[in-house]
């Protein structure tokens, strides 16, 4: 398993996952080349696994950051109350965790392939 391919896929996925929620469709300009790179890689599961894990982690991280900022915004001072409530992000988090699980599974497949070829 080439660790650099997995880490590169992970970094690209984190950037793509977070920017998709912030920028929207324009983030596909980052995701599509990443998927093409992962598909052309000789050890395909490794780069794609890192990409999937990265997208999932990026989405979860962005939602966690939004939740923390929303909680920090809630305050009451001098009779003025300001509050923030975040919408239900459960479907997005479920998909993100599914991506992380699939990426982790592909990572294990890549590790298994590497160990079989070295034995």
Protein backbone atom coordinates (compact mmCIF):
# COMPACT_ATOMS: atom_id res chain seq x y z
CA UNK A 1 0.00 0.00 0.00
CA UNK A 2 1.36 3.35 -0.95
CA UNK A 3 0.77 5.56 2.05
CA UNK A 4 1.40 8.70 0.03
CA UNK A 5 -1.47 7.84 -2.33
CA UNK A 6 -3.82 7.33 0.60
CA UNK A 7 -2.74 10.57 2.30
CA UNK A 8 -3.02 12.52 -0.95
CA UNK A 9 -6.50 11.10 -1.49
CA UNK A 10 -7.41 11.96 2.10
CA UNK A 11 -6.23 15.58 1.79
CA UNK A 12 -8.01 16.02 -1.52
CA UNK A 13 -11.14 14.50 -0.02
CA UNK A 14 -11.10 16.78 3.04
CA UNK A 15 -10.77 19.82 0.79
CA UNK A 16 -13.48 18.52 -1.53
CA UNK A 17 -15.85 17.52 1.27
CA UNK A 18 -15.66 20.85 3.04
CA UNK A 19 -15.72 22.96 -0.09
CA UNK A 20 -18.72 21.12 -1.50
CA UNK A 21 -20.81 22.29 1.44
CA UNK A 22 -19.42 25.84 1.28
CA UNK A 23 -19.09 26.48 -2.44
CA UNK A 24 -21.54 23.97 -3.87
CA UNK A 25 -21.29 22.59 -7.38
CA UNK A 26 -18.07 24.48 -8.10
CA UNK A 27 -16.31 22.11 -5.71
CA UNK A 28 -16.76 19.40 -8.32
CA UNK A 29 -13.80 21.03 -10.05
CA UNK A 30 -11.73 19.59 -7.20
CA UNK A 31 -13.58 16.28 -6.82
CA UNK A 32 -13.68 15.16 -10.46
CA UNK A 33 -9.90 15.32 -11.02
CA UNK A 34 -9.46 13.48 -7.72
CA UNK A 35 -11.76 10.68 -8.83
CA UNK A 36 -9.98 10.47 -12.21
CA UNK A 37 -6.63 10.32 -10.41
CA UNK A 38 -7.89 7.61 -8.06
CA UNK A 39 -9.29 5.57 -10.96
CA UNK A 40 -6.04 5.75 -12.94
CA UNK A 41 -3.84 4.81 -10.01
CA UNK A 42 -2.30 1.32 -10.28
CA UNK A 43 -3.31 0.53 -6.68
CA UNK A 44 -6.84 1.85 -7.12
CA UNK A 45 -8.40 1.09 -3.77
CA UNK A 46 -5.77 3.05 -1.88
CA UNK A 47 -6.24 6.49 -3.44
CA UNK A 48 -10.00 6.11 -3.69
CA UNK A 49 -10.16 4.95 -0.08
CA UNK A 50 -8.30 8.05 1.06
CA UNK A 51 -10.57 10.23 -1.07
CA UNK A 52 -13.73 8.70 0.43
CA UNK A 53 -12.44 8.94 3.98
CA UNK A 54 -11.39 12.54 3.35
CA UNK A 55 -14.77 13.59 1.95
CA UNK A 56 -16.55 12.02 4.92
CA UNK A 57 -14.20 13.61 7.43
CA UNK A 58 -14.45 16.99 5.68
CA UNK A 59 -18.25 16.97 5.79
CA UNK A 60 -18.39 15.83 9.43
CA UNK A 61 -15.75 18.39 10.40
CA UNK A 62 -17.60 21.24 8.72
CA UNK A 63 -20.87 20.32 10.42
CA UNK A 64 -19.11 20.02 13.78
CA UNK A 65 -17.53 23.45 13.29
CA UNK A 66 -20.91 24.95 12.41
CA UNK A 67 -22.47 23.38 15.50
CA UNK A 68 -19.70 24.72 17.76
CA UNK A 69 -20.01 28.22 16.33
CA UNK A 70 -23.77 28.11 16.71
CA UNK A 71 -23.46 27.05 20.34
CA UNK A 72 -20.94 29.84 21.00
CA UNK A 73 -23.33 32.38 19.48
CA UNK A 74 -26.08 31.61 22.00
CA UNK A 75 -25.92 34.14 24.80
CA UNK A 76 -27.94 36.48 26.94
CA UNK A 77 -26.52 39.77 28.16
CA UNK A 78 -28.23 42.91 29.43
CA UNK A 79 -31.66 41.56 28.60
CA UNK A 80 -30.75 40.87 24.98
CA UNK A 81 -30.99 37.27 23.94
CA UNK A 82 -29.41 35.95 20.79
CA UNK A 83 -29.76 32.35 19.77
CA UNK A 84 -28.81 30.08 16.95
CA UNK A 85 -30.32 26.76 16.06
CA UNK A 86 -28.87 24.49 13.45
CA UNK A 87 -31.06 22.42 11.15
CA UNK A 88 -31.18 18.65 11.29
CA UNK A 89 -27.97 17.42 9.64
CA UNK A 90 -28.57 13.73 10.34
CA UNK A 91 -28.88 12.64 6.67
CA UNK A 92 -25.66 14.44 5.74
CA UNK A 93 -23.81 12.97 8.69
CA UNK A 94 -25.12 9.48 7.90
CA UNK A 95 -23.87 9.73 4.30
CA UNK A 96 -20.53 11.11 5.51
CA UNK A 97 -20.10 8.25 7.99
CA UNK A 98 -21.04 5.78 5.25
CA UNK A 99 -18.31 7.27 3.05
CA UNK A 100 -15.80 6.92 5.89
CA UNK A 101 -16.85 3.28 6.42
CA UNK A 102 -16.54 2.46 2.70
CA UNK A 103 -13.17 4.22 2.58
CA UNK A 104 -11.95 2.29 5.62
CA UNK A 105 -13.08 -0.97 3.99
CA UNK A 106 -11.23 -0.11 0.77
CA UNK A 107 -8.16 0.73 2.85
CA UNK A 108 -8.29 -2.74 4.39
CA UNK A 109 -8.65 -4.26 0.91
CA UNK A 110 -5.58 -2.31 -0.20
CA UNK A 111 -3.64 -3.47 2.85
CA UNK A 112 -4.65 -7.06 2.22
CA UNK A 113 -3.59 -6.87 -1.45
CA UNK A 114 -0.24 -5.40 -0.46
CA UNK A 115 0.39 -8.08 2.16
CA UNK A 116 -0.53 -10.86 -0.29
CA UNK A 117 1.83 -9.56 -2.97
CA UNK A 118 4.75 -9.26 -0.54
CA UNK A 119 4.33 -12.80 0.84
